[in-house]
Amino acid sequence: MQAHTPRIDFYAAAPDAMKAMMAMEVAVGKLGLEPALIELIKLRASQINGCAYCVDLHAGDMRKQGESERRITGVSVWRETPFFTPRERAALAWTEALTLLAQSHAPDTDYAALAEQFTPAEMVAVTMAVNAINSWNRFGVGFRKLPTL
């Protein structure tokens, strides 16, 4: 199977739109969540959305932060592994629920798990992180942004 062909450079096409996206990304980083947790959210949503660029980017960022290969590769099967804390599991479940919103409708069980592990402000922060990466994934997949070799 052949890799996709990139479409447009969305940074060059609409710099003001990308400044707004970057501002949201900066805001998420200031909401008090652990950087490693944010990267787990980014990687899992990107896997679900099939964003090759973002999967590559965030797996690399996790490696730079000292994350183990077992946890990085285990994100796609996190429910079946012992590698993640209850807090991380709650965030990953919420990430999946919101990323697959049309199918999941954000089930009460995932909300309850989130509420058990996070304060209300942190719940909003996790949701913002999920929203941000899903937005980036739509740019990456829609315009076929590819990882660099």
N, C-alpha and C. Protein backbone atom coordinates (compact mmCIF):
# COMPACT_ATOMS: atom_id res chain seq x y z
N MET A 1 0.84 -1.18 0.00
CA MET A 1 0.00 0.00 0.00
C MET A 1 0.89 1.24 0.00
N GLN A 2 0.49 2.22 -0.75
CA GLN A 2 1.27 3.45 -0.89
C GLN A 2 0.83 4.50 0.12
N ALA A 3 1.79 5.28 0.61
CA ALA A 3 1.48 6.37 1.53
C ALA A 3 0.66 7.43 0.81
N HIS A 4 -0.10 8.18 1.59
CA HIS A 4 -0.89 9.27 1.04
C HIS A 4 0.01 10.34 0.43
N THR A 5 -0.56 11.11 -0.45
CA THR A 5 0.13 12.27 -1.03
C THR A 5 -0.36 13.51 -0.28
N PRO A 6 0.57 14.31 0.24
CA PRO A 6 0.15 15.52 0.95
C PRO A 6 -0.70 16.42 0.06
N ARG A 7 -1.62 17.12 0.67
CA ARG A 7 -2.53 18.00 -0.06
C ARG A 7 -2.04 19.44 0.00
N ILE A 8 -2.41 20.20 1.00
CA ILE A 8 -1.93 21.58 1.11
C ILE A 8 -1.14 21.74 2.40
N ASP A 9 -0.33 22.78 2.44
CA ASP A 9 0.35 23.17 3.67
C ASP A 9 -0.59 24.11 4.40
N PHE A 10 -1.30 23.60 5.39
CA PHE A 10 -2.32 24.41 6.06
C PHE A 10 -1.72 25.56 6.86
N TYR A 11 -0.47 25.44 7.27
CA TYR A 11 0.18 26.57 7.95
C TYR A 11 0.37 27.74 6.99
N ALA A 12 0.80 27.46 5.78
CA ALA A 12 1.00 28.52 4.79
C ALA A 12 -0.33 29.04 4.26
N ALA A 13 -1.31 28.17 4.13
CA ALA A 13 -2.60 28.56 3.55
C ALA A 13 -3.41 29.47 4.48
N ALA A 14 -3.30 29.26 5.79
CA ALA A 14 -4.12 30.03 6.73
C ALA A 14 -3.35 30.24 8.03
N PRO A 15 -2.35 31.11 8.01
CA PRO A 15 -1.53 31.30 9.21
C PRO A 15 -2.31 31.77 10.43
N ASP A 16 -3.33 32.60 10.25
CA ASP A 16 -4.11 33.05 11.40
C ASP A 16 -4.89 31.91 12.04
N ALA A 17 -5.40 31.00 11.23
CA ALA A 17 -6.10 29.83 11.77
C ALA A 17 -5.13 28.98 12.58
N MET A 18 -3.93 28.83 12.07
CA MET A 18 -2.94 28.01 12.78
C MET A 18 -2.46 28.69 14.05
N LYS A 19 -2.44 30.03 14.06
CA LYS A 19 -2.11 30.75 15.30
C LYS A 19 -3.17 30.47 16.36
N ALA A 20 -4.43 30.40 15.95
CA ALA A 20 -5.50 30.08 16.89
C ALA A 20 -5.34 28.66 17.42
N MET A 21 -4.99 27.73 16.54
CA MET A 21 -4.76 26.35 16.98
C MET A 21 -3.59 26.28 17.96
N MET A 22 -2.53 26.99 17.66
CA MET A 22 -1.37 27.00 18.55
C MET A 22 -1.72 27.62 19.91
N ALA A 23 -2.56 28.65 19.89
CA ALA A 23 -2.98 29.27 21.15
C ALA A 23 -3.77 28.27 22.00
N MET A 24 -4.61 27.46 21.36
CA MET A 24 -5.33 26.43 22.11
C MET A 24 -4.35 25.40 22.68
N GLU A 25 -3.36 25.03 21.90
CA GLU A 25 -2.35 24.06 22.34
C GLU A 25 -1.59 24.61 23.55
N VAL A 26 -1.20 25.86 23.51
CA VAL A 26 -0.50 26.50 24.63
C VAL A 26 -1.41 26.52 25.86
N ALA A 27 -2.68 26.84 25.66
CA ALA A 27 -3.63 26.89 26.77
C ALA A 27 -3.77 25.52 27.44
N VAL A 28 -3.84 24.46 26.65
CA VAL A 28 -3.94 23.11 27.21
C VAL A 28 -2.72 22.81 28.08
N GLY A 29 -1.57 23.22 27.63
CA GLY A 29 -0.35 22.99 28.40
C GLY A 29 -0.30 23.73 29.73
N LYS A 30 -1.15 24.74 29.89
CA LYS A 30 -1.16 25.54 31.11
C LYS A 30 -2.30 25.16 32.06
N LEU A 31 -3.02 24.08 31.76
CA LEU A 31 -4.19 23.72 32.56
C LEU A 31 -3.87 22.79 33.73
N GLY A 32 -2.59 22.48 33.93
CA GLY A 32 -2.17 21.74 35.11
C GLY A 32 -2.12 20.23 34.99
N LEU A 33 -2.41 19.68 33.82
CA LEU A 33 -2.29 18.23 33.66
C LEU A 33 -0.83 17.83 33.50
N GLU A 34 -0.52 16.61 33.90
CA GLU A 34 0.82 16.09 33.74
C GLU A 34 1.16 15.99 32.26
N PRO A 35 2.35 16.45 31.84
CA PRO A 35 2.73 16.36 30.43
C PRO A 35 2.63 14.94 29.87
N ALA A 36 3.00 13.94 30.67
CA ALA A 36 2.92 12.55 30.18
C ALA A 36 1.47 12.14 29.92
N LEU A 37 0.55 12.61 30.73
CA LEU A 37 -0.87 12.30 30.53
C LEU A 37 -1.39 12.96 29.25
N ILE A 38 -0.99 14.19 29.02
CA ILE A 38 -1.40 14.89 27.79
C ILE A 38 -0.90 14.12 26.58
N GLU A 39 0.32 13.63 26.64
CA GLU A 39 0.86 12.87 25.50
C GLU A 39 0.12 11.55 25.29
N LEU A 40 -0.29 10.90 26.37
CA LEU A 40 -1.10 9.68 26.22
C LEU A 40 -2.41 9.99 25.49
N ILE A 41 -3.04 11.09 25.88
CA ILE A 41 -4.29 11.52 25.24
C ILE A 41 -4.04 11.78 23.76
N LYS A 42 -2.98 12.51 23.46
CA LYS A 42 -2.68 12.84 22.07
C LYS A 42 -2.40 11.60 21.23
N LEU A 43 -1.65 10.68 21.79
CA LEU A 43 -1.32 9.48 21.04
C LEU A 43 -2.56 8.63 20.80
N ARG A 44 -3.38 8.44 21.83
CA ARG A 44 -4.55 7.56 21.66
C ARG A 44 -5.55 8.15 20.67
N ALA A 45 -5.85 9.42 20.77
CA ALA A 45 -6.79 10.03 19.81
C ALA A 45 -6.24 9.95 18.39
N SER A 46 -4.95 10.19 18.25
CA SER A 46 -4.32 10.15 16.92
C SER A 46 -4.36 8.74 16.33
N GLN A 47 -4.19 7.73 17.18
CA GLN A 47 -4.31 6.35 16.71
C GLN A 47 -5.72 6.08 16.20
N ILE A 48 -6.71 6.47 16.97
CA ILE A 48 -8.11 6.25 16.58
C ILE A 48 -8.43 6.97 15.27
N ASN A 49 -7.94 8.19 15.14
CA ASN A 49 -8.25 9.00 13.96
C ASN A 49 -7.38 8.65 12.76
N GLY A 50 -6.38 7.82 12.94
CA GLY A 50 -5.51 7.42 11.84
C GLY A 50 -4.63 8.54 11.33
N CYS A 51 -4.17 9.40 12.24
CA CYS A 51 -3.30 10.50 11.85
C CYS A 51 -1.84 10.06 11.99
N ALA A 52 -1.27 9.63 10.87
CA ALA A 52 0.10 9.11 10.87
C ALA A 52 1.10 10.15 11.39
N TYR A 53 0.94 11.39 10.97
CA TYR A 53 1.85 12.44 11.40
C TYR A 53 1.81 12.58 12.93
N CYS A 54 0.60 12.66 13.50
CA CYS A 54 0.47 12.89 14.94
C CYS A 54 0.89 11.67 15.75
N VAL A 55 0.61 10.46 15.27
CA VAL A 55 1.06 9.26 15.97
C VAL A 55 2.58 9.28 16.05
N ASP A 56 3.23 9.55 14.93
CA ASP A 56 4.69 9.60 14.90
C ASP A 56 5.22 10.70 15.81
N LEU A 57 4.64 11.88 15.73
CA LEU A 57 5.08 13.03 16.52
C LEU A 57 4.95 12.75 18.02
N HIS A 58 3.80 12.28 18.44
CA HIS A 58 3.57 12.13 19.88
C HIS A 58 4.26 10.91 20.47
N ALA A 59 4.41 9.86 19.70
CA ALA A 59 5.22 8.73 20.17
C ALA A 59 6.66 9.21 20.36
N GLY A 60 7.16 10.02 19.44
CA GLY A 60 8.51 10.58 19.57
C GLY A 60 8.63 11.50 20.76
N ASP A 61 7.61 12.34 20.98
CA ASP A 61 7.63 13.23 22.14
C ASP A 61 7.63 12.43 23.45
N MET A 62 6.88 11.34 23.46
CA MET A 62 6.86 10.49 24.65
C MET A 62 8.23 9.88 24.91
N ARG A 63 8.89 9.45 23.86
CA ARG A 63 10.25 8.89 24.02
C ARG A 63 11.19 9.96 24.59
N LYS A 64 11.08 11.18 24.08
CA LYS A 64 11.93 12.27 24.57
C LYS A 64 11.66 12.57 26.04
N GLN A 65 10.44 12.36 26.49
CA GLN A 65 10.08 12.58 27.90
C GLN A 65 10.49 11.40 28.78
N GLY A 66 11.06 10.35 28.16
CA GLY A 66 11.52 9.20 28.93
C GLY A 66 10.50 8.09 29.07
N GLU A 67 9.43 8.15 28.30
CA GLU A 67 8.40 7.11 28.37
C GLU A 67 8.95 5.79 27.84
N SER A 68 8.52 4.68 28.42
CA SER A 68 9.00 3.36 28.00
C SER A 68 8.33 2.94 26.69
N GLU A 69 9.05 2.14 25.93
CA GLU A 69 8.50 1.60 24.68
C GLU A 69 7.27 0.75 24.96
N ARG A 70 7.28 0.03 26.05
CA ARG A 70 6.13 -0.82 26.38
C ARG A 70 4.87 0.01 26.54
N ARG A 71 4.98 1.14 27.22
CA ARG A 71 3.79 1.98 27.40
C ARG A 71 3.40 2.66 26.09
N ILE A 72 4.37 3.10 25.32
CA ILE A 72 4.04 3.75 24.04
C ILE A 72 3.31 2.77 23.13
N THR A 73 3.86 1.59 22.96
CA THR A 73 3.21 0.63 22.07
C THR A 73 1.95 0.06 22.71
N GLY A 74 1.86 0.09 24.01
CA GLY A 74 0.68 -0.42 24.70
C GLY A 74 -0.52 0.49 24.69
N VAL A 75 -0.34 1.74 24.27
CA VAL A 75 -1.46 2.69 24.26
C VAL A 75 -2.62 2.17 23.40
N SER A 76 -2.30 1.57 22.27
CA SER A 76 -3.37 1.11 21.38
C SER A 76 -4.18 -0.04 21.97
N VAL A 77 -3.63 -0.71 22.96
CA VAL A 77 -4.33 -1.83 23.62
C VAL A 77 -4.34 -1.62 25.14
N TRP A 78 -4.48 -0.40 25.56
CA TRP A 78 -4.33 -0.04 26.96
C TRP A 78 -5.26 -0.82 27.89
N ARG A 79 -6.45 -1.18 27.42
CA ARG A 79 -7.38 -1.91 28.28
C ARG A 79 -6.86 -3.30 28.63
N GLU A 80 -6.02 -3.86 27.76
CA GLU A 80 -5.53 -5.22 27.93
C GLU A 80 -4.15 -5.29 28.58
N THR A 81 -3.60 -4.15 29.01
CA THR A 81 -2.26 -4.14 29.59
C THR A 81 -2.29 -3.66 31.04
N PRO A 82 -1.27 -4.00 31.81
CA PRO A 82 -1.18 -3.50 33.19
C PRO A 82 -0.32 -2.23 33.30
N PHE A 83 -0.05 -1.58 32.18
CA PHE A 83 0.95 -0.51 32.15
C PHE A 83 0.44 0.86 32.58
N PHE A 84 -0.86 1.02 32.80
CA PHE A 84 -1.41 2.36 33.02
C PHE A 84 -2.12 2.46 34.36
N THR A 85 -1.99 3.61 34.99
CA THR A 85 -2.61 3.86 36.29
C THR A 85 -4.11 4.07 36.12
N PRO A 86 -4.86 3.99 37.22
CA PRO A 86 -6.30 4.27 37.12
C PRO A 86 -6.60 5.67 36.56
N ARG A 87 -5.79 6.63 36.92
CA ARG A 87 -5.97 8.00 36.40
C ARG A 87 -5.75 8.02 34.88
N GLU A 88 -4.70 7.38 34.42
CA GLU A 88 -4.42 7.32 32.99
C GLU A 88 -5.52 6.55 32.26
N ARG A 89 -6.00 5.46 32.85
CA ARG A 89 -7.06 4.67 32.24
C ARG A 89 -8.34 5.49 32.09
N ALA A 90 -8.65 6.28 33.10
CA ALA A 90 -9.84 7.13 33.03
C ALA A 90 -9.69 8.16 31.90
N ALA A 91 -8.52 8.74 31.78
CA ALA A 91 -8.28 9.73 30.72
C ALA A 91 -8.31 9.06 29.34
N LEU A 92 -7.75 7.87 29.22
CA LEU A 92 -7.77 7.17 27.94
C LEU A 92 -9.19 6.77 27.55
N ALA A 93 -9.99 6.32 28.51
CA ALA A 93 -11.39 5.97 28.22
C ALA A 93 -12.17 7.20 27.77
N TRP A 94 -11.94 8.33 28.45
CA TRP A 94 -12.63 9.58 28.09
C TRP A 94 -12.18 10.06 26.71
N THR A 95 -10.88 9.90 26.44
CA THR A 95 -10.36 10.24 25.12
C THR A 95 -11.06 9.45 24.03
N GLU A 96 -11.18 8.15 24.24
CA GLU A 96 -11.86 7.31 23.26
C GLU A 96 -13.33 7.70 23.13
N ALA A 97 -14.00 7.93 24.26
CA ALA A 97 -15.42 8.28 24.23
C ALA A 97 -15.66 9.56 23.44
N LEU A 98 -14.83 10.57 23.66
CA LEU A 98 -15.04 11.84 22.96
C LEU A 98 -14.55 11.80 21.52
N THR A 99 -13.50 11.04 21.26
CA THR A 99 -13.00 10.92 19.89
C THR A 99 -14.00 10.15 19.03
N LEU A 100 -14.66 9.18 19.63
CA LEU A 100 -15.67 8.38 18.93
C LEU A 100 -17.08 8.80 19.36
N LEU A 101 -17.29 10.08 19.52
CA LEU A 101 -18.50 10.62 20.11
C LEU A 101 -19.78 10.15 19.41
N ALA A 102 -19.78 10.09 18.09
CA ALA A 102 -20.99 9.68 17.37
C ALA A 102 -21.41 8.26 17.74
N GLN A 103 -20.44 7.41 18.06
CA GLN A 103 -20.75 6.04 18.45
C GLN A 103 -20.97 5.90 19.96
N SER A 104 -20.17 6.60 20.75
CA SER A 104 -20.16 6.37 22.19
C SER A 104 -21.19 7.20 22.96
N HIS A 105 -21.42 8.42 22.52
CA HIS A 105 -22.28 9.37 23.22
C HIS A 105 -21.80 9.64 24.64
N ALA A 106 -20.48 9.55 24.85
CA ALA A 106 -19.85 9.84 26.15
C ALA A 106 -20.58 9.11 27.27
N PRO A 107 -20.39 7.80 27.38
CA PRO A 107 -21.16 7.00 28.34
C PRO A 107 -20.92 7.40 29.79
N ASP A 108 -21.95 7.16 30.58
CA ASP A 108 -21.89 7.49 32.01
C ASP A 108 -20.75 6.75 32.71
N THR A 109 -20.44 5.54 32.29
CA THR A 109 -19.36 4.78 32.93
C THR A 109 -18.02 5.48 32.74
N ASP A 110 -17.78 6.01 31.53
CA ASP A 110 -16.52 6.71 31.28
C ASP A 110 -16.48 8.03 32.04
N TYR A 111 -17.62 8.72 32.12
CA TYR A 111 -17.69 9.95 32.88
C TYR A 111 -17.43 9.68 34.37
N ALA A 112 -18.04 8.63 34.89
CA ALA A 112 -17.86 8.30 36.30
C ALA A 112 -16.40 7.97 36.62
N ALA A 113 -15.75 7.23 35.72
CA ALA A 113 -14.33 6.91 35.93
C ALA A 113 -13.49 8.18 35.91
N LEU A 114 -13.81 9.09 35.01
CA LEU A 114 -13.10 10.37 34.94
C LEU A 114 -13.29 11.16 36.23
N ALA A 115 -14.55 11.24 36.68
CA ALA A 115 -14.87 12.01 37.89
C ALA A 115 -14.22 11.42 39.13
N GLU A 116 -13.98 10.12 39.12
CA GLU A 116 -13.34 9.48 40.26
C GLU A 116 -11.85 9.83 40.36
N GLN A 117 -11.22 10.12 39.23
CA GLN A 117 -9.78 10.34 39.19
C GLN A 117 -9.36 11.81 39.06
N PHE A 118 -10.28 12.67 38.64
CA PHE A 118 -9.94 14.05 38.33
C PHE A 118 -10.90 15.01 39.03
N THR A 119 -10.38 16.18 39.37
CA THR A 119 -11.23 17.25 39.88
C THR A 119 -12.07 17.79 38.72
N PRO A 120 -13.13 18.55 39.01
CA PRO A 120 -13.90 19.13 37.91
C PRO A 120 -13.04 19.98 36.96
N ALA A 121 -12.13 20.77 37.50
CA ALA A 121 -11.26 21.58 36.63
C ALA A 121 -10.37 20.69 35.77
N GLU A 122 -9.87 19.60 36.35
CA GLU A 122 -9.04 18.68 35.57
C GLU A 122 -9.87 17.95 34.51
N MET A 123 -11.13 17.67 34.81
CA MET A 123 -12.01 17.04 33.82
C MET A 123 -12.16 17.94 32.59
N VAL A 124 -12.30 19.23 32.84
CA VAL A 124 -12.37 20.19 31.73
C VAL A 124 -11.03 20.21 30.99
N ALA A 125 -9.93 20.16 31.72
CA ALA A 125 -8.61 20.18 31.09
C ALA A 125 -8.40 18.94 30.21
N VAL A 126 -8.80 17.76 30.70
CA VAL A 126 -8.69 16.55 29.88
C VAL A 126 -9.54 16.71 28.63
N THR A 127 -10.74 17.23 28.78
CA THR A 127 -11.63 17.42 27.64
C THR A 127 -11.03 18.41 26.64
N MET A 128 -10.41 19.46 27.14
CA MET A 128 -9.73 20.41 26.25
C MET A 128 -8.59 19.74 25.50
N ALA A 129 -7.83 18.91 26.19
CA ALA A 129 -6.72 18.19 25.54
C ALA A 129 -7.26 17.26 24.45
N VAL A 130 -8.35 16.58 24.73
CA VAL A 130 -8.96 15.71 23.72
C VAL A 130 -9.45 16.53 22.54
N ASN A 131 -10.10 17.65 22.82
CA ASN A 131 -10.58 18.51 21.74
C ASN A 131 -9.44 19.02 20.88
N ALA A 132 -8.36 19.44 21.52
CA ALA A 132 -7.24 20.00 20.77
C ALA A 132 -6.63 18.97 19.82
N ILE A 133 -6.37 17.76 20.31
CA ILE A 133 -5.72 16.78 19.43
C ILE A 133 -6.67 16.32 18.35
N ASN A 134 -7.96 16.22 18.65
CA ASN A 134 -8.90 15.86 17.60
C ASN A 134 -8.95 16.93 16.51
N SER A 135 -8.83 18.19 16.90
CA SER A 135 -8.76 19.26 15.90
C SER A 135 -7.50 19.13 15.05
N TRP A 136 -6.36 18.92 15.70
CA TRP A 136 -5.11 18.73 14.95
C TRP A 136 -5.21 17.52 14.01
N ASN A 137 -5.80 16.45 14.49
CA ASN A 137 -5.95 15.25 13.66
C ASN A 137 -6.76 15.53 12.41
N ARG A 138 -7.75 16.37 12.51
CA ARG A 138 -8.57 16.70 11.35
C ARG A 138 -7.76 17.47 10.31
N PHE A 139 -6.86 18.29 10.75
CA PHE A 139 -5.95 18.95 9.80
C PHE A 139 -4.99 17.93 9.21
N GLY A 140 -4.38 17.12 10.06
CA GLY A 140 -3.39 16.15 9.61
C GLY A 140 -3.94 15.13 8.64
N VAL A 141 -5.09 14.55 8.98
CA VAL A 141 -5.70 13.54 8.11
C VAL A 141 -6.31 14.20 6.88
N GLY A 142 -7.05 15.27 7.09
CA GLY A 142 -7.72 15.93 5.98
C GLY A 142 -6.78 16.43 4.90
N PHE A 143 -5.65 16.96 5.32
CA PHE A 143 -4.69 17.51 4.36
C PHE A 143 -3.48 16.60 4.15
N ARG A 144 -3.57 15.38 4.70
CA ARG A 144 -2.58 14.32 4.48
C ARG A 144 -1.15 14.72 4.87
N LYS A 145 -1.04 15.32 6.06
CA LYS A 145 0.29 15.65 6.58
C LYS A 145 1.00 14.35 6.93
N LEU A 146 2.19 14.19 6.42
CA LEU A 146 2.93 12.94 6.59
C LEU A 146 4.09 13.09 7.57
N PRO A 147 4.42 12.02 8.27
CA PRO A 147 5.64 12.07 9.09
C PRO A 147 6.86 12.23 8.19
N THR A 148 7.87 12.86 8.73
CA THR A 148 9.10 13.02 7.95
C THR A 148 10.02 11.85 8.24
N LEU A 149 10.82 11.50 7.28
CA LEU A 149 11.78 10.40 7.45
C LEU A 149 13.05 10.89 8.11
